[in-house]
Full PDB file with SEQRES, HELIX, SHEET, SSBOND, CRYST1, ORIGX, SCALE, CONECT and MASTER records, all heavy atoms in Angstrom:
SEQRES   1 A   41  GLN PRO VAL VAL ILE VAL ARG GLY LYS GLY SER TRP VAL          
SEQRES   2 A   41  TRP ASP ALA ASP GLY LYS GLU TYR LEU ASP LEU ILE GLY          
SEQRES   3 A   41  GLY TRP ALA VAL ASN SER LEU GLY HIS CYS HIS PRO VAL          
SEQRES   4 A   41  ILE THR                                                      
HELIX    1 AA1 GLY A   26  ALA A   29  1                                   4    
SHEET    1 AA1 3 ILE A   5  LYS A   9  0                                        
SHEET    2 AA1 3 TRP A  12  ASP A  15 -1                                        
SHEET    3 AA1 3 GLU A  20  LEU A  22 -1                                        
CRYST1    1.000    1.000    1.000  90.00  90.00  90.00 P 1           1          
ORIGX1      1.000000  0.000000  0.000000        0.00000                         
ORIGX2      0.000000  1.000000  0.000000        0.00000                         
ORIGX3      0.000000  0.000000  1.000000        0.00000                         
SCALE1      1.000000  0.000000  0.000000        0.00000                         
SCALE2      0.000000  1.000000  0.000000        0.00000                         
SCALE3      0.000000  0.000000  1.000000        0.00000                         
ATOM      1  N   GLN A   1      -3.153 -17.695  -5.187  1.00  0.00           N  
ATOM      2  CA  GLN A   1      -4.239 -17.019  -4.480  1.00  0.00           C  
ATOM      3  C   GLN A   1      -3.867 -15.546  -4.338  1.00  0.00           C  
ATOM      4  O   GLN A   1      -2.695 -15.207  -4.211  1.00  0.00           O  
ATOM      5  CB  GLN A   1      -4.437 -17.652  -3.094  1.00  0.00           C  
ATOM      6  CG  GLN A   1      -4.822 -19.111  -3.153  1.00  0.00           C  
ATOM      7  CD  GLN A   1      -6.107 -19.328  -3.907  1.00  0.00           C  
ATOM      8  OE1 GLN A   1      -7.088 -18.633  -3.693  1.00  0.00           O  
ATOM      9  NE2 GLN A   1      -6.111 -20.290  -4.814  1.00  0.00           N  
ATOM     10  N   PRO A   2      -4.829 -14.634  -4.325  1.00  0.00           N  
ATOM     11  CA  PRO A   2      -4.526 -13.196  -4.242  1.00  0.00           C  
ATOM     12  C   PRO A   2      -4.173 -12.759  -2.820  1.00  0.00           C  
ATOM     13  O   PRO A   2      -4.788 -11.852  -2.258  1.00  0.00           O  
ATOM     14  CB  PRO A   2      -5.820 -12.544  -4.738  1.00  0.00           C  
ATOM     15  CG  PRO A   2      -6.888 -13.518  -4.350  1.00  0.00           C  
ATOM     16  CD  PRO A   2      -6.264 -14.890  -4.504  1.00  0.00           C  
ATOM     17  N   VAL A   3      -3.190 -13.434  -2.228  1.00  0.00           N  
ATOM     18  CA  VAL A   3      -2.748 -13.140  -0.868  1.00  0.00           C  
ATOM     19  C   VAL A   3      -1.220 -13.090  -0.883  1.00  0.00           C  
ATOM     20  O   VAL A   3      -0.575 -13.972  -1.441  1.00  0.00           O  
ATOM     21  CB  VAL A   3      -3.210 -14.236   0.126  1.00  0.00           C  
ATOM     22  CG1 VAL A   3      -2.694 -13.957   1.520  1.00  0.00           C  
ATOM     23  CG2 VAL A   3      -4.726 -14.360   0.124  1.00  0.00           C  
ATOM     24  N   VAL A   4      -0.636 -12.064  -0.273  1.00  0.00           N  
ATOM     25  CA  VAL A   4       0.818 -11.944  -0.167  1.00  0.00           C  
ATOM     26  C   VAL A   4       1.197 -12.209   1.287  1.00  0.00           C  
ATOM     27  O   VAL A   4       0.952 -11.378   2.167  1.00  0.00           O  
ATOM     28  CB  VAL A   4       1.300 -10.548  -0.613  1.00  0.00           C  
ATOM     29  CG1 VAL A   4       2.809 -10.422  -0.434  1.00  0.00           C  
ATOM     30  CG2 VAL A   4       0.905 -10.294  -2.062  1.00  0.00           C  
ATOM     31  N   ILE A   5       1.767 -13.365   1.546  1.00  0.00           N  
ATOM     32  CA  ILE A   5       2.166 -13.747   2.903  1.00  0.00           C  
ATOM     33  C   ILE A   5       3.517 -13.117   3.225  1.00  0.00           C  
ATOM     34  O   ILE A   5       4.469 -13.243   2.454  1.00  0.00           O  
ATOM     35  CB  ILE A   5       2.254 -15.284   3.031  1.00  0.00           C  
ATOM     36  CG1 ILE A   5       0.919 -15.938   2.661  1.00  0.00           C  
ATOM     37  CG2 ILE A   5       2.709 -15.695   4.423  1.00  0.00           C  
ATOM     38  CD1 ILE A   5      -0.236 -15.573   3.555  1.00  0.00           C  
ATOM     39  N   VAL A   6       3.606 -12.431   4.376  1.00  0.00           N  
ATOM     40  CA  VAL A   6       4.853 -11.751   4.728  1.00  0.00           C  
ATOM     41  C   VAL A   6       5.546 -12.333   5.961  1.00  0.00           C  
ATOM     42  O   VAL A   6       6.746 -12.153   6.144  1.00  0.00           O  
ATOM     43  CB  VAL A   6       4.630 -10.236   4.934  1.00  0.00           C  
ATOM     44  CG1 VAL A   6       4.191  -9.573   3.627  1.00  0.00           C  
ATOM     45  CG2 VAL A   6       3.619  -9.958   6.037  1.00  0.00           C  
ATOM     46  N   ARG A   7       4.797 -13.024   6.834  1.00  0.00           N  
ATOM     47  CA  ARG A   7       5.444 -13.628   7.994  1.00  0.00           C  
ATOM     48  C   ARG A   7       4.556 -14.727   8.564  1.00  0.00           C  
ATOM     49  O   ARG A   7       3.371 -14.824   8.246  1.00  0.00           O  
ATOM     50  CB  ARG A   7       5.763 -12.591   9.076  1.00  0.00           C  
ATOM     51  CG  ARG A   7       4.565 -11.992   9.770  1.00  0.00           C  
ATOM     52  CD  ARG A   7       4.980 -10.928  10.797  1.00  0.00           C  
ATOM     53  NE  ARG A   7       3.812 -10.355  11.442  1.00  0.00           N  
ATOM     54  CZ  ARG A   7       3.283 -10.810  12.576  1.00  0.00           C  
ATOM     55  NH1 ARG A   7       3.848 -11.834  13.207  1.00  0.00           N  
ATOM     56  NH2 ARG A   7       2.231 -10.225  13.111  1.00  0.00           N  
ATOM     57  N   GLY A   8       5.192 -15.568   9.406  1.00  0.00           N  
ATOM     58  CA  GLY A   8       4.444 -16.644  10.025  1.00  0.00           C  
ATOM     59  C   GLY A   8       4.993 -16.980  11.395  1.00  0.00           C  
ATOM     60  O   GLY A   8       6.154 -16.692  11.702  1.00  0.00           O  
ATOM     61  N   LYS A   9       4.157 -17.575  12.229  1.00  0.00           N  
ATOM     62  CA  LYS A   9       4.582 -18.046  13.547  1.00  0.00           C  
ATOM     63  C   LYS A   9       3.682 -19.221  13.917  1.00  0.00           C  
ATOM     64  O   LYS A   9       2.456 -19.069  13.974  1.00  0.00           O  
ATOM     65  CB  LYS A   9       4.492 -16.945  14.588  1.00  0.00           C  
ATOM     66  CG  LYS A   9       5.030 -17.368  15.956  1.00  0.00           C  
ATOM     67  CD  LYS A   9       5.132 -16.177  16.886  1.00  0.00           C  
ATOM     68  CE  LYS A   9       5.632 -16.566  18.277  1.00  0.00           C  
ATOM     69  NZ  LYS A   9       6.955 -17.166  18.290  1.00  0.00           N  
ATOM     70  N   GLY A  10       4.307 -20.380  14.128  1.00  0.00           N  
ATOM     71  CA  GLY A  10       3.519 -21.565  14.440  1.00  0.00           C  
ATOM     72  C   GLY A  10       2.608 -21.923  13.282  1.00  0.00           C  
ATOM     73  O   GLY A  10       3.055 -22.086  12.154  1.00  0.00           O  
ATOM     74  N   SER A  11       1.330 -22.022  13.561  1.00  0.00           N  
ATOM     75  CA  SER A  11       0.346 -22.372  12.529  1.00  0.00           C  
ATOM     76  C   SER A  11      -0.328 -21.153  11.908  1.00  0.00           C  
ATOM     77  O   SER A  11      -1.298 -21.299  11.163  1.00  0.00           O  
ATOM     78  CB  SER A  11      -0.732 -23.281  13.132  1.00  0.00           C  
ATOM     79  OG  SER A  11      -0.157 -24.487  13.565  1.00  0.00           O  
ATOM     80  N   TRP A  12       0.179 -19.961  12.194  1.00  0.00           N  
ATOM     81  CA  TRP A  12      -0.450 -18.730  11.713  1.00  0.00           C  
ATOM     82  C   TRP A  12       0.459 -17.995  10.748  1.00  0.00           C  
ATOM     83  O   TRP A  12       1.681 -18.011  10.891  1.00  0.00           O  
ATOM     84  CB  TRP A  12      -0.801 -17.815  12.894  1.00  0.00           C  
ATOM     85  CG  TRP A  12      -1.812 -18.444  13.801  1.00  0.00           C  
ATOM     86  CD1 TRP A  12      -1.559 -19.215  14.904  1.00  0.00           C  
ATOM     87  CD2 TRP A  12      -3.229 -18.414  13.658  1.00  0.00           C  
ATOM     88  NE1 TRP A  12      -2.732 -19.651  15.458  1.00  0.00           N  
ATOM     89  CE2 TRP A  12      -3.782 -19.169  14.725  1.00  0.00           C  
ATOM     90  CE3 TRP A  12      -4.095 -17.809  12.750  1.00  0.00           C  
ATOM     91  CZ2 TRP A  12      -5.149 -19.345  14.890  1.00  0.00           C  
ATOM     92  CZ3 TRP A  12      -5.449 -17.972  12.916  1.00  0.00           C  
ATOM     93  CH2 TRP A  12      -5.970 -18.734  13.977  1.00  0.00           C  
ATOM     94  N   VAL A  13      -0.148 -17.335   9.754  1.00  0.00           N  
ATOM     95  CA  VAL A  13       0.586 -16.470   8.829  1.00  0.00           C  
ATOM     96  C   VAL A  13      -0.167 -15.146   8.709  1.00  0.00           C  
ATOM     97  O   VAL A  13      -1.369 -15.073   8.993  1.00  0.00           O  
ATOM     98  CB  VAL A  13       0.760 -17.117   7.436  1.00  0.00           C  
ATOM     99  CG1 VAL A  13       1.679 -18.332   7.504  1.00  0.00           C  
ATOM    100  CG2 VAL A  13      -0.574 -17.484   6.799  1.00  0.00           C  
ATOM    101  N   TRP A  14       0.559 -14.105   8.298  1.00  0.00           N  
ATOM    102  CA  TRP A  14      -0.016 -12.777   8.120  1.00  0.00           C  
ATOM    103  C   TRP A  14       0.300 -12.280   6.724  1.00  0.00           C  
ATOM    104  O   TRP A  14       1.394 -12.506   6.201  1.00  0.00           O  
ATOM    105  CB  TRP A  14       0.553 -11.801   9.153  1.00  0.00           C  
ATOM    106  CG  TRP A  14       0.061 -12.045  10.541  1.00  0.00           C  
ATOM    107  CD1 TRP A  14      -0.963 -11.391  11.162  1.00  0.00           C  
ATOM    108  CD2 TRP A  14       0.533 -13.018  11.481  1.00  0.00           C  
ATOM    109  NE1 TRP A  14      -1.148 -11.885  12.427  1.00  0.00           N  
ATOM    110  CE2 TRP A  14      -0.234 -12.888  12.662  1.00  0.00           C  
ATOM    111  CE3 TRP A  14       1.535 -13.989  11.454  1.00  0.00           C  
ATOM    112  CZ2 TRP A  14      -0.046 -13.687  13.774  1.00  0.00           C  
ATOM    113  CZ3 TRP A  14       1.734 -14.794  12.569  1.00  0.00           C  
ATOM    114  CH2 TRP A  14       0.947 -14.634  13.717  1.00  0.00           C  
ATOM    115  N   ASP A  15      -0.671 -11.557   6.124  1.00  0.00           N  
ATOM    116  CA  ASP A  15      -0.441 -11.015   4.789  1.00  0.00           C  
ATOM    117  C   ASP A  15       0.096  -9.593   4.871  1.00  0.00           C  
ATOM    118  O   ASP A  15       0.277  -9.035   5.966  1.00  0.00           O  
ATOM    119  CB  ASP A  15      -1.700 -11.126   3.920  1.00  0.00           C  
ATOM    120  CG  ASP A  15      -2.834 -10.193   4.337  1.00  0.00           C  
ATOM    121  OD1 ASP A  15      -2.615  -9.284   5.168  1.00  0.00           O  
ATOM    122  OD2 ASP A  15      -3.948 -10.369   3.811  1.00  0.00           O  
ATOM    123  N   ALA A  16       0.351  -9.016   3.702  1.00  0.00           N  
ATOM    124  CA  ALA A  16       0.956  -7.684   3.630  1.00  0.00           C  
ATOM    125  C   ALA A  16       0.070  -6.605   4.226  1.00  0.00           C  
ATOM    126  O   ALA A  16       0.534  -5.523   4.569  1.00  0.00           O  
ATOM    127  CB  ALA A  16       1.280  -7.346   2.173  1.00  0.00           C  
ATOM    128  N   ASP A  17      -1.227  -6.896   4.396  1.00  0.00           N  
ATOM    129  CA  ASP A  17      -2.153  -5.931   4.977  1.00  0.00           C  
ATOM    130  C   ASP A  17      -2.422  -6.203   6.451  1.00  0.00           C  
ATOM    131  O   ASP A  17      -3.287  -5.571   7.058  1.00  0.00           O  
ATOM    132  CB  ASP A  17      -3.468  -5.946   4.197  1.00  0.00           C  
ATOM    133  CG  ASP A  17      -3.253  -5.563   2.742  1.00  0.00           C  
ATOM    134  OD1 ASP A  17      -2.759  -4.446   2.495  1.00  0.00           O  
ATOM    135  OD2 ASP A  17      -3.546  -6.400   1.866  1.00  0.00           O  
ATOM    136  N   GLY A  18      -1.687  -7.164   7.036  1.00  0.00           N  
ATOM    137  CA  GLY A  18      -1.828  -7.453   8.458  1.00  0.00           C  
ATOM    138  C   GLY A  18      -2.924  -8.439   8.810  1.00  0.00           C  
ATOM    139  O   GLY A  18      -3.173  -8.705   9.984  1.00  0.00           O  
ATOM    140  N   LYS A  19      -3.596  -9.001   7.806  1.00  0.00           N  
ATOM    141  CA  LYS A  19      -4.659  -9.968   8.077  1.00  0.00           C  
ATOM    142  C   LYS A  19      -4.048 -11.306   8.479  1.00  0.00           C  
ATOM    143  O   LYS A  19      -3.082 -11.772   7.882  1.00  0.00           O  
ATOM    144  CB  LYS A  19      -5.546 -10.134   6.846  1.00  0.00           C  
ATOM    145  CG  LYS A  19      -6.766 -11.015   7.090  1.00  0.00           C  
ATOM    146  CD  LYS A  19      -7.690 -11.040   5.878  1.00  0.00           C  
ATOM    147  CE  LYS A  19      -8.885 -11.938   6.156  1.00  0.00           C  
ATOM    148  NZ  LYS A  19      -9.773 -12.030   4.986  1.00  0.00           N  
ATOM    149  N   GLU A  20      -4.656 -11.933   9.498  1.00  0.00           N  
ATOM    150  CA  GLU A  20      -4.153 -13.177  10.071  1.00  0.00           C  
ATOM    151  C   GLU A  20      -4.902 -14.376   9.473  1.00  0.00           C  
ATOM    152  O   GLU A  20      -6.114 -14.331   9.289  1.00  0.00           O  
ATOM    153  CB  GLU A  20      -4.368 -13.135  11.589  1.00  0.00           C  
ATOM    154  CG  GLU A  20      -3.858 -14.330  12.344  1.00  0.00           C  
ATOM    155  CD  GLU A  20      -4.129 -14.180  13.838  1.00  0.00           C  
ATOM    156  OE1 GLU A  20      -5.290 -13.857  14.202  1.00  0.00           O  
ATOM    157  OE2 GLU A  20      -3.201 -14.374  14.620  1.00  0.00           O  
ATOM    158  N   TYR A  21      -4.149 -15.459   9.171  1.00  0.00           N  
ATOM    159  CA  TYR A  21      -4.746 -16.676   8.620  1.00  0.00           C  
ATOM    160  C   TYR A  21      -4.229 -17.887   9.389  1.00  0.00           C  
ATOM    161  O   TYR A  21      -3.052 -17.939   9.754  1.00  0.00           O  
ATOM    162  CB  TYR A  21      -4.336 -16.887   7.150  1.00  0.00           C  
ATOM    163  CG  TYR A  21      -4.724 -15.785   6.214  1.00  0.00           C  
ATOM    164  CD1 TYR A  21      -3.909 -14.654   6.063  1.00  0.00           C  
ATOM    165  CD2 TYR A  21      -5.883 -15.868   5.451  1.00  0.00           C  
ATOM    166  CE1 TYR A  21      -4.254 -13.644   5.174  1.00  0.00           C  
ATOM    167  CE2 TYR A  21      -6.232 -14.857   4.563  1.00  0.00           C  
ATOM    168  CZ  TYR A  21      -5.413 -13.750   4.435  1.00  0.00           C  
ATOM    169  OH  TYR A  21      -5.748 -12.748   3.562  1.00  0.00           O  
ATOM    170  N   LEU A  22      -5.088 -18.864   9.609  1.00  0.00           N  
ATOM    171  CA  LEU A  22      -4.668 -20.161  10.122  1.00  0.00           C  
ATOM    172  C   LEU A  22      -4.162 -20.963   8.929  1.00  0.00           C  
ATOM    173  O   LEU A  22      -4.902 -21.213   7.982  1.00  0.00           O  
ATOM    174  CB  LEU A  22      -5.836 -20.884  10.799  1.00  0.00           C  
ATOM    175  CG  LEU A  22      -5.544 -22.291  11.332  1.00  0.00           C  
ATOM    176  CD1 LEU A  22      -4.429 -22.261  12.372  1.00  0.00           C  
ATOM    177  CD2 LEU A  22      -6.810 -22.895  11.931  1.00  0.00           C  
ATOM    178  N   ASP A  23      -2.891 -21.346   8.957  1.00  0.00           N  
ATOM    179  CA  ASP A  23      -2.253 -22.016   7.828  1.00  0.00           C  
ATOM    180  C   ASP A  23      -2.536 -23.513   7.869  1.00  0.00           C  
ATOM    181  O   ASP A  23      -1.902 -24.251   8.620  1.00  0.00           O  
ATOM    182  CB  ASP A  23      -0.747 -21.749   7.844  1.00  0.00           C  
ATOM    183  CG  ASP A  23      -0.040 -22.351   6.645  1.00  0.00           C  
ATOM    184  OD1 ASP A  23      -0.718 -22.913   5.759  1.00  0.00           O  
ATOM    185  OD2 ASP A  23       1.201 -22.251   6.590  1.00  0.00           O  
ATOM    186  N   LEU A  24      -3.489 -23.956   7.076  1.00  0.00           N  
ATOM    187  CA  LEU A  24      -3.816 -25.374   6.985  1.00  0.00           C  
ATOM    188  C   LEU A  24      -3.123 -26.041   5.798  1.00  0.00           C  
ATOM    189  O   LEU A  24      -3.344 -27.220   5.534  1.00  0.00           O  
ATOM    190  CB  LEU A  24      -5.331 -25.564   6.878  1.00  0.00           C  
ATOM    191  CG  LEU A  24      -6.135 -25.027   8.070  1.00  0.00           C  
ATOM    192  CD1 LEU A  24      -7.627 -25.152   7.815  1.00  0.00           C  
ATOM    193  CD2 LEU A  24      -5.743 -25.741   9.351  1.00  0.00           C  
ATOM    194  N   ILE A  25      -2.296 -25.297   5.082  1.00  0.00           N  
ATOM    195  CA  ILE A  25      -1.606 -25.837   3.905  1.00  0.00           C  
ATOM    196  C   ILE A  25      -0.182 -26.267   4.253  1.00  0.00           C  
ATOM    197  O   ILE A  25       0.303 -27.276   3.771  1.00  0.00           O  
ATOM    198  CB  ILE A  25      -1.601 -24.802   2.765  1.00  0.00           C  
ATOM    199  CG1 ILE A  25      -3.052 -24.473   2.363  1.00  0.00           C  
ATOM    200  CG2 ILE A  25      -0.826 -25.325   1.566  1.00  0.00           C  
ATOM    201  CD1 ILE A  25      -3.177 -23.319   1.415  1.00  0.00           C  
ATOM    202  N   GLY A  26       0.467 -25.511   5.126  1.00  0.00           N  
ATOM    203  CA  GLY A  26       1.821 -25.871   5.554  1.00  0.00           C  
ATOM    204  C   GLY A  26       2.815 -25.966   4.415  1.00  0.00           C  
ATOM    205  O   GLY A  26       3.646 -26.872   4.368  1.00  0.00           O  
ATOM    206  N   GLY A  27       2.751 -25.010   3.476  1.00  0.00           N  
ATOM    207  CA  GLY A  27       3.699 -25.023   2.363  1.00  0.00           C  
ATOM    208  C   GLY A  27       3.581 -26.283   1.532  1.00  0.00           C  
ATOM    209  O   GLY A  27       4.572 -26.872   1.131  1.00  0.00           O  
ATOM    210  N   TRP A  28       2.340 -26.731   1.283  1.00  0.00           N  
ATOM    211  CA  TRP A  28       2.076 -27.995   0.598  1.00  0.00           C  
ATOM    212  C   TRP A  28       2.726 -29.145   1.363  1.00  0.00           C  
ATOM    213  O   TRP A  28       3.450 -29.961   0.825  1.00  0.00           O  
ATOM    214  CB  TRP A  28       2.507 -27.994  -0.866  1.00  0.00           C  
ATOM    215  CG  TRP A  28       1.587 -27.217  -1.754  1.00  0.00           C  
ATOM    216  CD1 TRP A  28       0.290 -26.916  -1.512  1.00  0.00           C  
ATOM    217  CD2 TRP A  28       1.897 -26.632  -3.013  1.00  0.00           C  
ATOM    218  NE1 TRP A  28      -0.242 -26.183  -2.548  1.00  0.00           N  
ATOM    219  CE2 TRP A  28       0.735 -26.001  -3.486  1.00  0.00           C  
ATOM    220  CE3 TRP A  28       3.048 -26.587  -3.782  1.00  0.00           C  
ATOM    221  CZ2 TRP A  28       0.690 -25.330  -4.699  1.00  0.00           C  
ATOM    222  CZ3 TRP A  28       2.997 -25.918  -4.984  1.00  0.00           C  
ATOM    223  CH2 TRP A  28       1.830 -25.298  -5.437  1.00  0.00           C  
ATOM    224  N   ALA A  29       2.496 -29.137   2.677  1.00  0.00           N  
ATOM    225  CA  ALA A  29       2.885 -30.239   3.567  1.00  0.00           C  
ATOM    226  C   ALA A  29       4.383 -30.309   3.851  1.00  0.00           C  
ATOM    227  O   ALA A  29       4.881 -31.350   4.234  1.00  0.00           O  
ATOM    228  CB  ALA A  29       2.378 -31.576   3.026  1.00  0.00           C  
ATOM    229  N   VAL A  30       5.110 -29.202   3.715  1.00  0.00           N  
ATOM    230  CA  VAL A  30       6.536 -29.225   4.051  1.00  0.00           C  
ATOM    231  C   VAL A  30       6.860 -28.445   5.326  1.00  0.00           C  
ATOM    232  O   VAL A  30       7.980 -28.522   5.826  1.00  0.00           O  
ATOM    233  CB  VAL A  30       7.416 -28.691   2.896  1.00  0.00           C  
ATOM    234  CG1 VAL A  30       7.276 -29.561   1.674  1.00  0.00           C  
ATOM    235  CG2 VAL A  30       7.066 -27.247   2.558  1.00  0.00           C  
ATOM    236  N   ASN A  31       5.888 -27.715   5.868  1.00  0.00           N  
ATOM    237  CA  ASN A  31       6.095 -26.975   7.112  1.00  0.00           C  
ATOM    238  C   ASN A  31       5.311 -27.630   8.241  1.00  0.00           C  
ATOM    239  O   ASN A  31       4.548 -26.992   8.957  1.00  0.00           O  
ATOM    240  CB  ASN A  31       5.644 -25.508   6.959  1.00  0.00           C  
ATOM    241  CG  ASN A  31       6.486 -24.749   5.970  1.00  0.00           C  
ATOM    242  OD1 ASN A  31       7.637 -25.075   5.748  1.00  0.00           O  
ATOM    243  ND2 ASN A  31       5.903 -23.748   5.355  1.00  0.00           N  
ATOM    244  N   SER A  32       5.515 -28.915   8.433  1.00  0.00           N  
ATOM    245  CA  SER A  32       4.691 -29.649   9.394  1.00  0.00           C  
ATOM    246  C   SER A  32       4.962 -29.243  10.839  1.00  0.00           C  
ATOM    247  O   SER A  32       4.151 -29.524  11.715  1.00  0.00           O  
ATOM    248  CB  SER A  32       4.904 -31.162   9.231  1.00  0.00           C  
ATOM    249  OG  SER A  32       6.266 -31.487   9.421  1.00  0.00           O  
ATOM    250  N   LEU A  33       6.075 -28.593  11.103  1.00  0.00           N  
ATOM    251  CA  LEU A  33       6.379 -28.121  12.458  1.00  0.00           C  
ATOM    252  C   LEU A  33       6.045 -26.651  12.645  1.00  0.00           C  
ATOM    253  O   LEU A  33       6.360 -26.063  13.675  1.00  0.00           O  
ATOM    254  CB  LEU A  33       7.856 -28.372  12.790  1.00  0.00           C  
ATOM    255  CG  LEU A  33       8.283 -29.841  12.769  1.00  0.00           C  
ATOM    256  CD1 LEU A  33       9.768 -29.970  13.069  1.00  0.00           C  
ATOM    257  CD2 LEU A  33       7.472 -30.662  13.747  1.00  0.00           C  
ATOM    258  N   GLY A  34       5.398 -26.075  11.649  1.00  0.00           N  
ATOM    259  CA  GLY A  34       4.979 -24.683  11.764  1.00  0.00           C  
ATOM    260  C   GLY A  34       6.046 -23.707  11.297  1.00  0.00           C  
ATOM    261  O   GLY A  34       7.160 -24.079  10.947  1.00  0.00           O  
ATOM    262  N   HIS A  35       5.682 -22.439  11.323  1.00  0.00           N  
ATOM    263  CA  HIS A  35       6.574 -21.373  10.872  1.00  0.00           C  
ATOM    264  C   HIS A  35       7.428 -20.875  12.029  1.00  0.00           C  
ATOM    265  O   HIS A  35       6.948 -20.701  13.142  1.00  0.00           O  
ATOM    266  CB  HIS A  35       5.744 -20.205  10.316  1.00  0.00           C  
ATOM    267  CG  HIS A  35       4.926 -20.583   9.128  1.00  0.00           C  
ATOM    268  ND1 HIS A  35       5.432 -20.650   7.861  1.00  0.00           N  
ATOM    269  CD2 HIS A  35       3.615 -20.950   9.032  1.00  0.00           C  
ATOM    270  CE1 HIS A  35       4.472 -21.016   7.017  1.00  0.00           C  
ATOM    271  NE2 HIS A  35       3.360 -21.204   7.712  1.00  0.00           N  
ATOM    272  N   CYS A  36       8.705 -20.645  11.748  1.00  0.00           N  
ATOM    273  CA  CYS A  36       9.635 -20.004  12.684  1.00  0.00           C  
ATOM    274  C   CYS A  36       9.776 -20.765  14.006  1.00  0.00           C  
ATOM    275  O   CYS A  36       9.926 -20.153  15.072  1.00  0.00           O  
ATOM    276  CB  CYS A  36       9.238 -18.557  12.936  1.00  0.00           C  
ATOM    277  SG  CYS A  36       9.129 -17.586  11.423  1.00  0.00           S  
ATOM    278  N   HIS A  37       9.735 -22.085  13.946  1.00  0.00           N  
ATOM    279  CA  HIS A  37       9.969 -22.881  15.154  1.00  0.00           C  
ATOM    280  C   HIS A  37      11.370 -22.541  15.670  1.00  0.00           C  
ATOM    281  O   HIS A  37      12.335 -22.551  14.907  1.00  0.00           O  
ATOM    282  CB  HIS A  37       9.857 -24.369  14.828  1.00  0.00           C  
ATOM    283  CG  HIS A  37       9.850 -25.242  16.033  1.00  0.00           C  
ATOM    284  ND1 HIS A  37      10.968 -25.458  16.812  1.00  0.00           N  
ATOM    285  CD2 HIS A  37       8.844 -25.951  16.598  1.00  0.00           C  
ATOM    286  CE1 HIS A  37      10.664 -26.267  17.800  1.00  0.00           C  
ATOM    287  NE2 HIS A  37       9.382 -26.583  17.692  1.00  0.00           N  
ATOM    288  N   PRO A  38      11.509 -22.213  16.953  1.00  0.00           N  
ATOM    289  CA  PRO A  38      12.808 -21.725  17.435  1.00  0.00           C  
ATOM    290  C   PRO A  38      13.957 -22.717  17.251  1.00  0.00           C  
ATOM    291  O   PRO A  38      15.080 -22.302  16.958  1.00  0.00           O  
ATOM    292  CB  PRO A  38      12.558 -21.421  18.911  1.00  0.00           C  
ATOM    293  CG  PRO A  38      11.250 -22.042  19.246  1.00  0.00           C  
ATOM    294  CD  PRO A  38      10.483 -22.191  17.989  1.00  0.00           C  
ATOM    295  N   VAL A  39      13.710 -24.000  17.406  1.00  0.00           N  
ATOM    296  CA  VAL A  39      14.790 -24.986  17.235  1.00  0.00           C  
ATOM    297  C   VAL A  39      15.227 -25.044  15.777  1.00  0.00           C  
ATOM    298  O   VAL A  39      16.421 -25.070  15.468  1.00  0.00           O  
ATOM    299  CB  VAL A  39      14.338 -26.375  17.735  1.00  0.00           C  
ATOM    300  CG1 VAL A  39      15.392 -27.431  17.428  1.00  0.00           C  
ATOM    301  CG2 VAL A  39      14.040 -26.332  19.232  1.00  0.00           C  
ATOM    302  N   ILE A  40      14.250 -25.021  14.862  1.00  0.00           N  
ATOM    303  CA  ILE A  40      14.575 -25.052  13.432  1.00  0.00           C  
ATOM    304  C   ILE A  40      15.265 -23.754  13.014  1.00  0.00           C  
ATOM    305  O   ILE A  40      16.248 -23.769  12.272  1.00  0.00           O  
ATOM    306  CB  ILE A  40      13.301 -25.293  12.599  1.00  0.00           C  
ATOM    307  CG1 ILE A  40      12.743 -26.683  12.918  1.00  0.00           C  
ATOM    308  CG2 ILE A  40      13.589 -25.157  11.107  1.00  0.00           C  
ATOM    309  CD1 ILE A  40      11.396 -26.961  12.304  1.00  0.00           C  
ATOM    310  N   THR A  41      14.762 -22.635  13.507  1.00  0.00           N  
ATOM    311  CA  THR A  41      15.376 -21.343  13.192  1.00  0.00           C  
ATOM    312  C   THR A  41      16.829 -21.302  13.644  1.00  0.00           C  
ATOM    313  O   THR A  41      17.715 -20.851  12.906  1.00  0.00           O  
ATOM    314  CB  THR A  41      14.577 -20.198  13.850  1.00  0.00           C  
ATOM    315  OG1 THR A  41      13.241 -20.229  13.351  1.00  0.00           O  
ATOM    316  CG2 THR A  41      15.199 -18.848  13.545  1.00  0.00           C  
TER     317      THR A  41                                                      
MASTER        0    0    0    1    3    0    0    6  316    1    0    4          
END                                                                             
């Protein structure tokens, strides 16, 4: 997809232009606990 993801938190990710997206893909179902979960980090 023409989107460059640069960071994530929980169920949200942001692209290189600062646009926010609700992540319903979860890395093809491998990020089921969300992005940057503090315990996992």
